[in-house]
């Protein structure tokens, strides 16, 4: 059976996908994410499995990457639509060609790993996605997001994450204060990243089980979460800037943690 070709905006399957594309509230309520583009769909297929449905702009059918995706999905989960209907689903990146809808993964409830990330009130979707991408690159297994963070599974965060969402466990609506306390009680260490008055990052030894806490783009970490940390670190900036972008700061700190671990492992 060939893929379903849709030519009417009134088609129920098309309308459901369009609703999820256009409404962040509906995505969050339904616990669904919209994967935009060949790369994100391919990563989902490799690491998670089949999406519920994939919608293809008929103008993109000849692309090798799109053809490869079509070959991996059952035809019952494929919808082919004209460009006008594809573009009419909502604000999509230009020439994206293909999107898919899938459940947003819910990680199992288990103790945090040996390296995790605590994100407090990160508002910018691009920053959040970049942090998750960095976390995956440097071996973080669990990312915990406070209740007032941006929605981790929004299209903008997914785009910035470039597939990192399917490499680490993302725990939303987390009580970071309680988590930090329990992590320390279980022998872990909480490292707070602060713009000033912390110990210079390059001068501290960060070993063992570590949770790195990063705060809001403007306000930084709350005093309550900072108080739960064993150590506060500051990135030296000889160029004179007041602070780094929150995502850049997270990348520098996580790199230093990973560097120290790799160096220690090589010595052993």
Protein backbone atom coordinates (compact mmCIF):
# COMPACT_ATOMS: atom_id res chain seq x y z
CA UNK A 1 0.00 0.00 0.00
CA UNK A 2 1.53 3.37 -0.99
CA UNK A 3 1.85 6.20 1.56
CA UNK A 4 -1.33 8.15 2.19
CA UNK A 5 -1.46 11.26 0.03
CA UNK A 6 -3.50 14.08 1.55
CA UNK A 7 -4.88 16.99 -0.47
CA UNK A 8 -7.46 18.39 1.96
CA UNK A 9 -6.91 20.48 5.08
CA UNK A 10 -9.94 18.76 6.58
CA UNK A 11 -8.26 15.35 6.73
CA UNK A 12 -8.33 14.30 10.43
CA UNK A 13 -4.74 13.01 10.49
CA UNK A 14 -3.45 16.18 8.84
CA UNK A 15 -5.43 18.39 11.23
CA UNK A 16 -4.05 16.55 14.27
CA UNK A 17 -0.45 17.00 13.12
CA UNK A 18 -1.07 20.66 12.25
CA UNK A 19 -2.55 21.24 15.70
CA UNK A 20 0.57 19.87 17.37
CA UNK A 21 2.89 21.82 15.09
CA UNK A 22 1.17 25.12 15.84
CA UNK A 23 0.42 24.77 19.57
CA UNK A 24 3.04 24.45 22.29
CA UNK A 25 0.23 24.03 24.83
CA UNK A 26 -1.25 21.08 22.93
CA UNK A 27 2.17 19.43 22.51
CA UNK A 28 2.85 19.67 26.22
CA UNK A 29 -0.64 18.48 27.14
CA UNK A 30 -0.38 15.50 24.79
CA UNK A 31 3.27 14.81 25.72
CA UNK A 32 4.25 14.89 22.06
CA UNK A 33 7.19 16.39 20.22
CA UNK A 34 7.50 17.51 16.62
CA UNK A 35 10.74 16.49 14.91
CA UNK A 36 11.70 18.88 12.13
CA UNK A 37 13.99 17.74 9.36
CA UNK A 38 15.78 14.62 8.21
CA UNK A 39 18.47 14.63 10.90
CA UNK A 40 16.15 14.66 13.92
CA UNK A 41 13.86 12.03 12.44
CA UNK A 42 16.85 9.80 11.62
CA UNK A 43 18.29 10.13 15.14
CA UNK A 44 14.91 9.26 16.63
CA UNK A 45 14.69 6.18 14.43
CA UNK A 46 18.17 5.05 15.46
CA UNK A 47 17.90 5.66 19.20
CA UNK A 48 14.20 5.46 20.07
CA UNK A 49 12.30 3.79 17.22
CA UNK A 50 9.41 4.61 14.94
CA UNK A 51 7.59 7.94 15.27
CA UNK A 52 3.81 7.87 15.30
CA UNK A 53 3.54 9.64 11.97
CA UNK A 54 5.84 11.30 9.44
CA UNK A 55 4.63 14.01 7.08
CA UNK A 56 6.55 14.66 3.86
CA UNK A 57 6.33 17.62 1.52
CA UNK A 58 5.87 15.96 -1.88
CA UNK A 59 8.50 18.32 -3.32
CA UNK A 60 11.09 16.66 -1.04
CA UNK A 61 10.37 13.07 -2.05
CA UNK A 62 13.34 12.94 -4.40
CA UNK A 63 15.88 13.95 -1.75
CA UNK A 64 18.17 10.99 -0.90
CA UNK A 65 17.81 11.59 2.84
CA UNK A 66 14.03 11.72 2.69
CA UNK A 67 13.91 8.63 0.48
CA UNK A 68 16.02 6.82 3.06
CA UNK A 69 13.58 7.72 5.82
CA UNK A 70 10.61 6.62 3.74
CA UNK A 71 12.19 3.21 3.33
CA UNK A 72 12.44 2.78 7.12
CA UNK A 73 8.85 3.57 8.07
CA UNK A 74 5.72 1.51 7.54
CA UNK A 75 3.59 3.14 4.88
CA UNK A 76 0.71 3.37 7.34
CA UNK A 77 2.71 5.99 9.28
CA UNK A 78 3.54 8.16 6.26
CA UNK A 79 1.58 11.12 4.98
CA UNK A 80 2.54 12.88 1.74
CA UNK A 81 1.13 16.37 1.24
CA UNK A 82 1.50 19.17 -1.34
CA UNK A 83 3.79 22.07 -0.43
CA UNK A 84 0.84 24.36 0.32
CA UNK A 85 -0.51 21.97 2.95
CA UNK A 86 2.93 21.28 4.37
CA UNK A 87 3.67 24.98 4.77
CA UNK A 88 0.19 25.51 6.16
CA UNK A 89 0.79 23.34 9.22
CA UNK A 90 2.57 26.13 11.08
CA UNK A 91 5.85 27.98 11.42
CA UNK A 92 8.40 25.51 10.07
CA UNK A 93 12.00 26.15 9.01
CA UNK A 94 12.35 26.83 5.27
CA UNK A 95 12.80 23.75 3.06
CA UNK A 96 12.60 21.39 6.04
CA UNK A 97 10.88 18.81 3.80
CA UNK A 98 9.82 16.35 6.48
CA UNK A 99 8.48 16.35 10.03
CA UNK A 100 7.46 13.61 12.43
CA UNK A 101 5.36 13.39 15.58
CA UNK A 102 6.47 11.15 18.44
CA UNK A 103 5.84 10.80 22.18
CA UNK A 104 8.24 12.86 24.28
CA UNK A 105 10.30 10.22 26.14
CA UNK A 106 9.67 9.96 29.88
CA UNK A 107 12.80 8.71 31.64
CA UNK A 108 12.56 6.04 34.30
CA UNK A 109 12.67 7.25 37.88
CA UNK A 110 16.08 6.28 39.18
CA UNK A 111 18.92 7.84 41.18
CA UNK A 112 20.90 10.48 39.26
CA UNK A 113 24.00 9.31 37.42
CA UNK A 114 27.65 10.07 38.12
CA UNK A 115 27.50 13.23 36.01
CA UNK A 116 24.30 15.21 35.73
CA UNK A 117 23.14 18.72 34.89
CA UNK A 118 20.77 20.87 36.95
CA UNK A 119 19.14 23.66 34.93
CA UNK A 120 17.26 26.37 36.81
CA UNK A 121 14.80 28.65 35.00
CA UNK A 122 16.49 28.51 31.60
CA UNK A 123 14.10 30.51 29.43
CA UNK A 124 15.62 30.70 25.97
CA UNK A 125 14.86 27.59 23.87
CA UNK A 126 18.11 27.95 21.94
CA UNK A 127 20.13 28.09 25.14
CA UNK A 128 18.35 25.07 26.56
CA UNK A 129 18.86 23.01 23.42
CA UNK A 130 22.53 23.99 23.25
CA UNK A 131 23.02 22.97 26.88
CA UNK A 132 21.46 19.57 26.25
CA UNK A 133 23.65 19.11 23.17
CA UNK A 134 26.75 20.00 25.18
CA UNK A 135 25.70 17.73 28.02
CA UNK A 136 25.36 14.76 25.69
CA UNK A 137 28.74 15.49 24.10
CA UNK A 138 30.54 15.51 27.46
CA UNK A 139 28.98 12.38 28.94
CA UNK A 140 26.12 13.72 31.04
CA UNK A 141 23.52 11.00 31.59
CA UNK A 142 20.75 12.99 33.29
CA UNK A 143 19.55 16.57 32.87
CA UNK A 144 17.12 17.94 35.47
CA UNK A 145 15.05 20.99 34.54
CA UNK A 146 13.24 23.16 37.07
CA UNK A 147 9.53 23.76 36.68
CA UNK A 148 10.08 27.21 35.16
CA UNK A 149 12.45 26.10 32.40
CA UNK A 150 11.38 26.24 28.77
CA UNK A 151 9.67 23.07 27.51
CA UNK A 152 12.49 20.70 26.59
CA UNK A 153 10.54 19.13 23.72
CA UNK A 154 9.57 22.29 21.87
CA UNK A 155 10.70 22.42 18.22
CA UNK A 156 13.20 25.24 18.90
CA UNK A 157 14.85 23.31 21.73
CA UNK A 158 14.92 20.14 19.64
CA UNK A 159 16.52 21.99 16.73
CA UNK A 160 19.24 23.42 18.96
CA UNK A 161 19.77 20.02 20.61
CA UNK A 162 20.45 18.31 17.27
CA UNK A 163 19.48 14.87 18.56
CA UNK A 164 20.90 15.17 22.08
CA UNK A 165 17.39 14.66 23.50
CA UNK A 166 17.62 11.01 22.52
CA UNK A 167 21.05 10.47 24.10
CA UNK A 168 20.39 11.61 27.68
CA UNK A 169 17.54 11.32 30.17
CA UNK A 170 15.67 14.64 30.47
CA UNK A 171 13.71 15.10 33.70
CA UNK A 172 11.34 18.07 33.59
CA UNK A 173 9.56 19.82 36.47
CA UNK A 174 12.30 18.76 38.87
CA UNK A 175 12.63 20.04 42.43
CA UNK A 176 16.29 21.03 42.16
CA UNK A 177 16.66 21.94 45.84
CA UNK A 178 15.49 18.52 46.99
CA UNK A 179 17.52 16.84 44.28
CA UNK A 180 20.73 18.65 45.27
CA UNK A 181 20.23 17.71 48.92
CA UNK A 182 19.65 14.04 48.17
CA UNK A 183 22.55 13.96 45.70
CA UNK A 184 24.94 15.27 48.35
CA UNK A 185 23.49 12.96 51.01
CA UNK A 186 24.24 10.05 48.68
CA UNK A 187 27.88 11.04 48.33
CA UNK A 188 27.67 13.29 45.27
CA UNK A 189 28.95 16.83 44.85
CA UNK A 190 26.99 19.81 43.56
CA UNK A 191 28.96 22.44 41.63
CA UNK A 192 27.31 25.84 41.16
CA UNK A 193 28.32 28.00 38.19
CA UNK A 194 28.37 31.68 39.11
CA UNK A 195 29.40 34.78 37.17
CA UNK A 196 31.62 36.08 39.98
CA UNK A 197 32.96 35.34 43.47
CA UNK A 198 33.35 31.61 42.84
CA UNK A 199 36.64 29.73 42.81
CA UNK A 200 38.42 29.99 39.44
CA UNK A 201 37.37 26.98 37.40
CA UNK A 202 40.89 26.01 36.36
CA UNK A 203 42.07 25.90 39.99
CA UNK A 204 39.57 23.39 41.38
CA UNK A 205 39.54 19.61 41.27
CA UNK A 206 36.14 18.23 40.30
CA UNK A 207 35.99 14.48 40.87
CA UNK A 208 33.56 11.76 41.84
CA UNK A 209 29.83 12.01 41.33
CA UNK A 210 29.07 15.53 40.15
CA UNK A 211 25.96 17.59 39.46
CA UNK A 212 26.64 20.87 37.66
CA UNK A 213 24.06 23.59 38.35
CA UNK A 214 23.45 26.39 35.81
CA UNK A 215 21.04 29.25 36.42
CA UNK A 216 18.79 31.65 34.57
CA UNK A 217 20.28 33.71 31.73
CA UNK A 218 19.85 37.00 33.56
CA UNK A 219 19.54 36.23 37.27
CA UNK A 220 21.81 33.21 37.53
CA UNK A 221 21.22 30.60 40.22
CA UNK A 222 18.82 31.34 43.05
CA UNK A 223 20.37 31.78 46.47
CA UNK A 224 18.49 28.69 47.66
CA UNK A 225 20.04 26.38 45.07
CA UNK A 226 23.48 27.95 45.38
CA UNK A 227 23.31 27.29 49.13
CA UNK A 228 22.94 23.57 48.43
CA UNK A 229 26.19 23.45 46.42
CA UNK A 230 29.48 22.12 47.75
CA UNK A 231 31.43 24.44 45.48
CA UNK A 232 30.82 27.57 43.40
CA UNK A 233 33.02 28.07 40.34
CA UNK A 234 33.60 31.09 38.15
CA UNK A 235 35.09 31.09 34.65
CA UNK A 236 38.01 33.55 34.48
CA UNK A 237 37.50 36.09 31.68
CA UNK A 238 40.69 38.10 31.12
CA UNK A 239 39.04 39.89 28.22
CA UNK A 240 36.96 41.90 30.66
CA UNK A 241 33.45 40.70 29.83
CA UNK A 242 31.01 40.67 32.72
CA UNK A 243 29.67 37.19 31.96
CA UNK A 244 29.22 34.52 29.32
CA UNK A 245 26.01 33.39 27.69
CA UNK A 246 24.50 30.72 29.95
CA UNK A 247 24.88 28.00 27.31
CA UNK A 248 28.51 28.96 26.71
CA UNK A 249 29.23 28.91 30.44
CA UNK A 250 27.69 25.47 30.78
CA UNK A 251 29.84 24.24 27.89
CA UNK A 252 33.07 25.52 29.46
CA UNK A 253 32.32 23.98 32.86
CA UNK A 254 31.22 20.62 31.45
CA UNK A 255 34.30 20.52 29.23
CA UNK A 256 36.52 21.08 32.27
CA UNK A 257 34.78 18.29 34.19
CA UNK A 258 35.18 15.94 31.23
CA UNK A 259 38.83 16.99 30.74
CA UNK A 260 39.69 16.26 34.36
CA UNK A 261 37.99 12.87 34.17
CA UNK A 262 39.80 11.91 30.99
CA UNK A 263 43.13 12.99 32.45
CA UNK A 264 42.54 10.99 35.63
CA UNK A 265 41.50 7.92 33.62
CA UNK A 266 44.66 8.17 31.46
CA UNK A 267 46.86 8.31 34.56
CA UNK A 268 45.26 5.19 35.96
